[in-house]
Protein backbone atom coordinates (compact mmCIF):
# COMPACT_ATOMS: atom_id res chain seq x y z
CA UNK A 1 22.01 -31.11 -14.00
CA UNK A 2 20.05 -34.43 -13.96
CA UNK A 3 17.12 -34.44 -11.31
CA UNK A 4 14.93 -37.04 -10.04
CA UNK A 5 11.79 -36.00 -8.13
CA UNK A 6 9.89 -38.42 -5.96
CA UNK A 7 7.10 -36.25 -4.86
CA UNK A 8 4.28 -34.97 -6.89
CA UNK A 9 4.59 -31.46 -5.57
CA UNK A 10 8.27 -31.07 -5.89
CA UNK A 11 7.95 -32.15 -9.63
CA UNK A 12 5.56 -29.38 -10.12
CA UNK A 13 8.02 -27.01 -8.47
CA UNK A 14 10.87 -28.10 -10.57
CA UNK A 15 9.06 -27.34 -13.65
CA UNK A 16 7.90 -24.08 -12.53
CA UNK A 17 11.78 -23.16 -11.34
CA UNK A 18 12.27 -23.70 -15.03
CA UNK A 19 14.17 -26.98 -14.80
CA UNK A 20 11.62 -29.33 -16.08
CA UNK A 21 14.03 -30.12 -19.13
CA UNK A 22 16.54 -31.61 -16.20
CA UNK A 23 14.12 -34.06 -14.84
CA UNK A 24 15.06 -37.78 -15.86
CA UNK A 25 12.78 -39.54 -13.32
CA UNK A 26 9.53 -38.81 -11.54
CA UNK A 27 6.86 -41.00 -9.96
CA UNK A 28 3.57 -42.45 -11.18
CA UNK A 29 1.87 -39.97 -9.04
CA UNK A 30 3.48 -36.70 -10.81
CA UNK A 31 0.73 -35.43 -12.61
CA UNK A 32 1.48 -31.77 -12.92
CA UNK A 33 2.22 -29.81 -15.19
CA UNK A 34 -0.12 -32.56 -17.14
CA UNK A 35 1.12 -31.58 -20.61
CA UNK A 36 4.75 -32.22 -19.66
CA UNK A 37 5.09 -34.92 -17.08
CA UNK A 38 4.40 -37.65 -19.70
CA UNK A 39 7.64 -37.10 -21.51
CA UNK A 40 9.65 -37.90 -18.26
CA UNK A 41 10.46 -41.58 -17.22
CA UNK A 42 8.53 -42.98 -14.24
CA UNK A 43 10.92 -44.63 -11.55
CA UNK A 44 7.83 -46.17 -9.52
CA UNK A 45 5.73 -44.68 -6.75
CA UNK A 46 6.28 -42.36 -4.01
CA UNK A 47 6.54 -45.41 -1.38
CA UNK A 48 7.61 -47.89 -4.19
CA UNK A 49 10.38 -46.47 -6.29
CA UNK A 50 12.79 -48.26 -8.17
CA UNK A 51 16.11 -47.47 -6.42
CA UNK A 52 17.95 -49.50 -8.89
CA UNK A 53 16.88 -47.67 -11.84
CA UNK A 54 17.28 -44.29 -10.08
CA UNK A 55 20.91 -45.12 -9.76
CA UNK A 56 21.13 -46.11 -13.13
CA UNK A 57 19.74 -42.71 -14.28
CA UNK A 58 22.77 -41.08 -12.47
CA UNK A 59 20.80 -38.16 -11.20
CA UNK A 60 22.95 -35.39 -9.81
CA UNK A 61 20.39 -34.97 -6.93
CA UNK A 62 16.99 -36.78 -5.99
CA UNK A 63 14.25 -34.70 -4.19
CA UNK A 64 12.30 -36.26 -1.69
CA UNK A 65 9.63 -35.41 0.82
CA UNK A 66 10.06 -36.79 4.20
CA UNK A 67 6.23 -37.88 4.50
CA UNK A 68 5.73 -39.05 0.93
CA UNK A 69 8.79 -41.04 0.70
CA UNK A 70 10.33 -43.59 2.87
CA UNK A 71 13.50 -43.13 4.96
CA UNK A 72 14.81 -46.66 3.70
CA UNK A 73 14.64 -45.77 0.05
CA UNK A 74 16.45 -42.20 0.91
CA UNK A 75 19.30 -44.26 2.57
CA UNK A 76 19.62 -46.81 -0.18
CA UNK A 77 20.03 -43.88 -2.54
CA UNK A 78 22.63 -42.28 -0.24
CA UNK A 79 24.50 -45.56 0.26
CA UNK A 80 24.85 -45.62 -3.58
CA UNK A 81 26.33 -42.34 -3.62
CA UNK A 82 23.56 -40.51 -4.87
CA UNK A 83 22.91 -36.82 -3.63
CA UNK A 84 19.43 -36.56 -1.90
CA UNK A 85 17.56 -33.50 -0.65
CA UNK A 86 14.40 -34.08 1.76
CA UNK A 87 12.13 -31.75 3.08
CA UNK A 88 9.00 -31.64 5.13
CA UNK A 89 7.54 -28.30 5.17
CA UNK A 90 4.50 -27.85 7.53
CA UNK A 91 3.30 -24.14 6.97
CA UNK A 92 3.60 -21.45 4.49
CA UNK A 93 6.98 -20.07 6.12
CA UNK A 94 8.69 -23.35 5.86
CA UNK A 95 7.60 -23.86 2.37
CA UNK A 96 9.28 -20.46 1.41
CA UNK A 97 12.26 -21.87 3.19
CA UNK A 98 12.05 -25.15 1.11
CA UNK A 99 11.34 -23.35 -2.14
CA UNK A 100 14.61 -21.35 -1.69
CA UNK A 101 16.75 -24.18 -0.78
CA UNK A 102 15.81 -26.53 -3.82
CA UNK A 103 15.96 -23.47 -6.02
CA UNK A 104 19.59 -22.88 -4.73
CA UNK A 105 20.37 -26.55 -4.98
CA UNK A 106 19.22 -26.85 -8.73
CA UNK A 107 21.49 -23.69 -9.70
CA UNK A 108 24.45 -25.16 -8.02
CA UNK A 109 27.43 -25.81 -10.29
CA UNK A 110 25.65 -24.55 -13.42
CA UNK A 111 27.55 -22.69 -16.25
CA UNK A 112 27.29 -18.96 -16.24
CA UNK A 113 24.20 -18.22 -18.21
CA UNK A 114 22.17 -20.55 -16.21
CA UNK A 115 23.48 -19.80 -12.80
CA UNK A 116 20.65 -18.40 -10.33
CA UNK A 117 18.01 -18.92 -12.82
CA UNK A 118 16.23 -21.06 -10.56
CA UNK A 119 17.25 -19.09 -7.52
CA UNK A 120 15.57 -15.94 -8.88
CA UNK A 121 12.34 -17.79 -9.96
CA UNK A 122 12.34 -19.59 -6.41
CA UNK A 123 12.78 -16.30 -4.65
CA UNK A 124 9.86 -14.66 -6.29
CA UNK A 125 7.83 -17.84 -5.45
CA UNK A 126 8.94 -17.67 -2.09
CA UNK A 127 8.08 -14.05 -1.37
CA UNK A 128 4.70 -14.51 -3.07
CA UNK A 129 4.01 -17.20 -0.33
CA UNK A 130 5.20 -14.93 2.62
CA UNK A 131 3.43 -11.96 1.30
CA UNK A 132 0.03 -13.53 0.77
CA UNK A 133 0.27 -15.52 4.05
CA UNK A 134 0.75 -12.09 5.80
CA UNK A 135 -1.98 -10.61 3.91
CA UNK A 136 -4.39 -13.42 4.83
CA UNK A 137 -3.63 -13.64 8.46
CA UNK A 138 -3.89 -9.80 8.65
CA UNK A 139 -7.23 -9.64 7.12
CA UNK A 140 -8.62 -12.50 9.38
CA UNK A 141 -7.40 -10.58 12.47
CA UNK A 142 -10.64 -10.01 14.47
CA UNK A 143 -12.72 -12.10 12.46
CA UNK A 144 -15.00 -14.79 13.81
CA UNK A 145 -13.28 -17.92 14.25
CA UNK A 146 -14.52 -20.80 11.93
CA UNK A 147 -14.34 -24.45 13.41
CA UNK A 148 -13.66 -27.12 11.01
CA UNK A 149 -12.93 -30.65 10.43
CA UNK A 150 -10.89 -31.71 7.39
CA UNK A 151 -11.22 -35.38 6.24
CA UNK A 152 -8.61 -37.05 4.20
CA UNK A 153 -9.79 -40.70 3.94
CA UNK A 154 -12.77 -42.98 4.21
CA UNK A 155 -12.73 -46.61 5.97
CA UNK A 156 -11.44 -45.63 8.19
CA UNK A 157 -12.46 -41.99 8.52
CA UNK A 158 -9.29 -39.78 8.98
CA UNK A 159 -8.59 -36.19 9.72
CA UNK A 160 -5.64 -33.88 10.56
CA UNK A 161 -4.18 -32.30 13.49
CA UNK A 162 -2.44 -29.06 14.03
CA UNK A 163 1.00 -30.51 12.92
CA UNK A 164 -0.07 -30.56 9.31
CA UNK A 165 0.29 -28.25 6.12
CA UNK A 166 -3.54 -28.32 5.72
CA UNK A 167 -4.04 -27.11 9.32
CA UNK A 168 -1.71 -24.26 8.82
CA UNK A 169 -3.17 -23.06 5.47
CA UNK A 170 -6.95 -23.22 7.10
CA UNK A 171 -5.85 -21.54 10.24
CA UNK A 172 -4.26 -18.59 8.50
CA UNK A 173 -7.80 -17.06 7.28
CA UNK A 174 -9.25 -17.60 10.90
CA UNK A 175 -9.89 -21.39 10.92
CA UNK A 176 -10.13 -23.55 13.88
CA UNK A 177 -9.31 -27.25 13.87
CA UNK A 178 -11.79 -29.05 16.03
CA UNK A 179 -9.04 -32.29 15.94
CA UNK A 180 -6.00 -30.12 16.23
CA UNK A 181 -5.14 -31.52 19.75
CA UNK A 182 -5.30 -35.27 18.59
CA UNK A 183 -1.86 -36.97 18.84
CA UNK A 184 -1.47 -38.49 15.46
CA UNK A 185 -0.85 -36.15 12.60
CA UNK A 186 -3.62 -38.01 10.55
CA UNK A 187 -5.76 -39.52 13.27
CA UNK A 188 -8.63 -42.02 12.70
CA UNK A 189 -11.90 -40.64 13.66
CA UNK A 190 -15.35 -42.03 14.17
CA UNK A 191 -18.64 -40.45 13.20
CA UNK A 192 -19.58 -40.04 16.63
CA UNK A 193 -16.27 -38.11 16.99
CA UNK A 194 -17.20 -36.03 14.43
CA UNK A 195 -20.83 -35.21 15.53
CA UNK A 196 -19.46 -34.53 19.07
CA UNK A 197 -17.00 -31.90 17.93
CA UNK A 198 -19.84 -29.75 16.49
CA UNK A 199 -17.79 -28.22 13.46
CA UNK A 200 -19.20 -25.32 11.66
CA UNK A 201 -17.93 -26.87 8.56
CA UNK A 202 -16.80 -30.31 7.34
CA UNK A 203 -14.13 -30.00 4.45
CA UNK A 204 -14.16 -33.12 2.52
CA UNK A 205 -10.77 -33.06 0.47
CA UNK A 206 -10.27 -34.44 -3.23
CA UNK A 207 -6.93 -35.91 -2.39
CA UNK A 208 -5.60 -38.31 -1.21
CA UNK A 209 -9.20 -39.84 -1.08
CA UNK A 210 -11.25 -38.32 -3.82
CA UNK A 211 -14.48 -37.38 -1.80
CA UNK A 212 -17.52 -36.40 -4.08
CA UNK A 213 -21.18 -35.72 -3.74
CA UNK A 214 -22.05 -39.30 -2.63
CA UNK A 215 -19.59 -39.23 0.36
CA UNK A 216 -21.18 -35.82 1.22
CA UNK A 217 -24.69 -37.05 1.26
CA UNK A 218 -23.65 -40.22 3.31
CA UNK A 219 -22.29 -38.37 6.09
CA UNK A 220 -25.02 -35.83 6.03
CA UNK A 221 -27.53 -38.97 6.65
CA UNK A 222 -25.00 -40.70 9.08
CA UNK A 223 -24.12 -37.68 11.37
CA UNK A 224 -27.16 -35.56 10.93
CA UNK A 225 -24.95 -32.58 9.63
CA UNK A 226 -26.45 -30.32 7.29
CA UNK A 227 -25.46 -30.99 3.81
CA UNK A 228 -24.57 -27.23 3.32
CA UNK A 229 -21.98 -27.69 6.02
CA UNK A 230 -20.13 -30.47 3.97
CA UNK A 231 -18.07 -28.76 1.43
CA UNK A 232 -15.87 -30.75 -0.92
CA UNK A 233 -12.47 -28.95 -1.35
CA UNK A 234 -9.39 -29.29 -3.59
CA UNK A 235 -6.85 -31.44 -1.82
CA UNK A 236 -4.00 -30.30 -4.02
CA UNK A 237 -4.57 -26.75 -2.99
CA UNK A 238 -4.59 -27.37 0.48
CA UNK A 239 -1.87 -30.15 0.77
CA UNK A 240 0.61 -29.61 -1.93
CA UNK A 241 3.49 -27.40 -0.98
CA UNK A 242 5.55 -25.71 -3.32
CA UNK A 243 4.80 -23.34 -6.25
CA UNK A 244 1.18 -24.32 -5.80
CA UNK A 245 1.29 -22.54 -2.21
CA UNK A 246 0.50 -19.11 -3.15
CA UNK A 247 -2.77 -20.11 -4.92
CA UNK A 248 -3.32 -22.48 -1.90
CA UNK A 249 -2.99 -19.84 0.46
CA UNK A 250 -6.03 -17.81 -1.39
CA UNK A 251 -8.05 -20.84 -1.97
CA UNK A 252 -7.92 -21.52 1.85
CA UNK A 253 -8.87 -18.04 2.63
CA UNK A 254 -11.86 -18.38 0.03
CA UNK A 255 -13.28 -21.63 1.44
CA UNK A 256 -12.97 -20.33 5.25
CA UNK A 257 -14.66 -17.10 4.32
CA UNK A 258 -17.37 -19.06 2.44
CA UNK A 259 -17.90 -21.13 5.58
CA UNK A 260 -18.08 -17.75 7.79
CA UNK A 261 -20.78 -16.33 5.39
CA UNK A 262 -22.93 -19.50 5.78
CA UNK A 263 -22.41 -19.16 9.58
CA UNK A 264 -23.71 -15.64 9.66
CA UNK A 265 -26.68 -16.33 7.41
CA UNK A 266 -27.51 -19.09 9.65
CA UNK A 267 -27.27 -16.95 12.78
CA UNK A 268 -29.37 -14.12 11.10
CA UNK A 269 -31.87 -16.57 10.00
């Protein structure tokens, strides 16, 4: 099978399903696994794919994400007779379903010794997602809610609402998104909005915008929020869906627990 992946998290998933050798095209943003993606042809960015080149590669399937990729590119590929499989998981349950669907698609029509190889691996990943999500939710039952804001961009400042993957992961361990009810999935906010929301913790993600210590200090100075309540977090664990999701669920639990512990110490002090 010849596979093109136009989404970084799906590229990682293909490798983890044991089908990396079948990839004939990926995007310039596909960086995991770091020791293997260099050998695969790059066919443009997630929103600027070289559709003509992809068609020339004659893939059996192109994997897309409905948020990362543009519908016009998917339509152009479909019009050229290329089979496309698009997904948009927003929580662990739909991520598990996506893993199963992609694994089954990659195994379709394969010779006997390879049939169900990806399907079996995908089932293990999907069950791991479901079991970890259930455990984290169970362990968080009755725990004090942690009110958080999750920032993904600067100039303008942007956050996430409840209809996002990051929200779902951070909600599992007892997190509560202070911007959950905003209409846009990735709403623009002001620093006054952030102050007024009074989050217990502000998560500054490493992806898509790479926040670092300078930005944490800037926000502390601009908003009056204590530096200890501004946490730089791994955006790949909290926003990539696929084979990274099991560890992402555990990571979300750790950062919410750490914020809860900080609140407990502040309250007792």
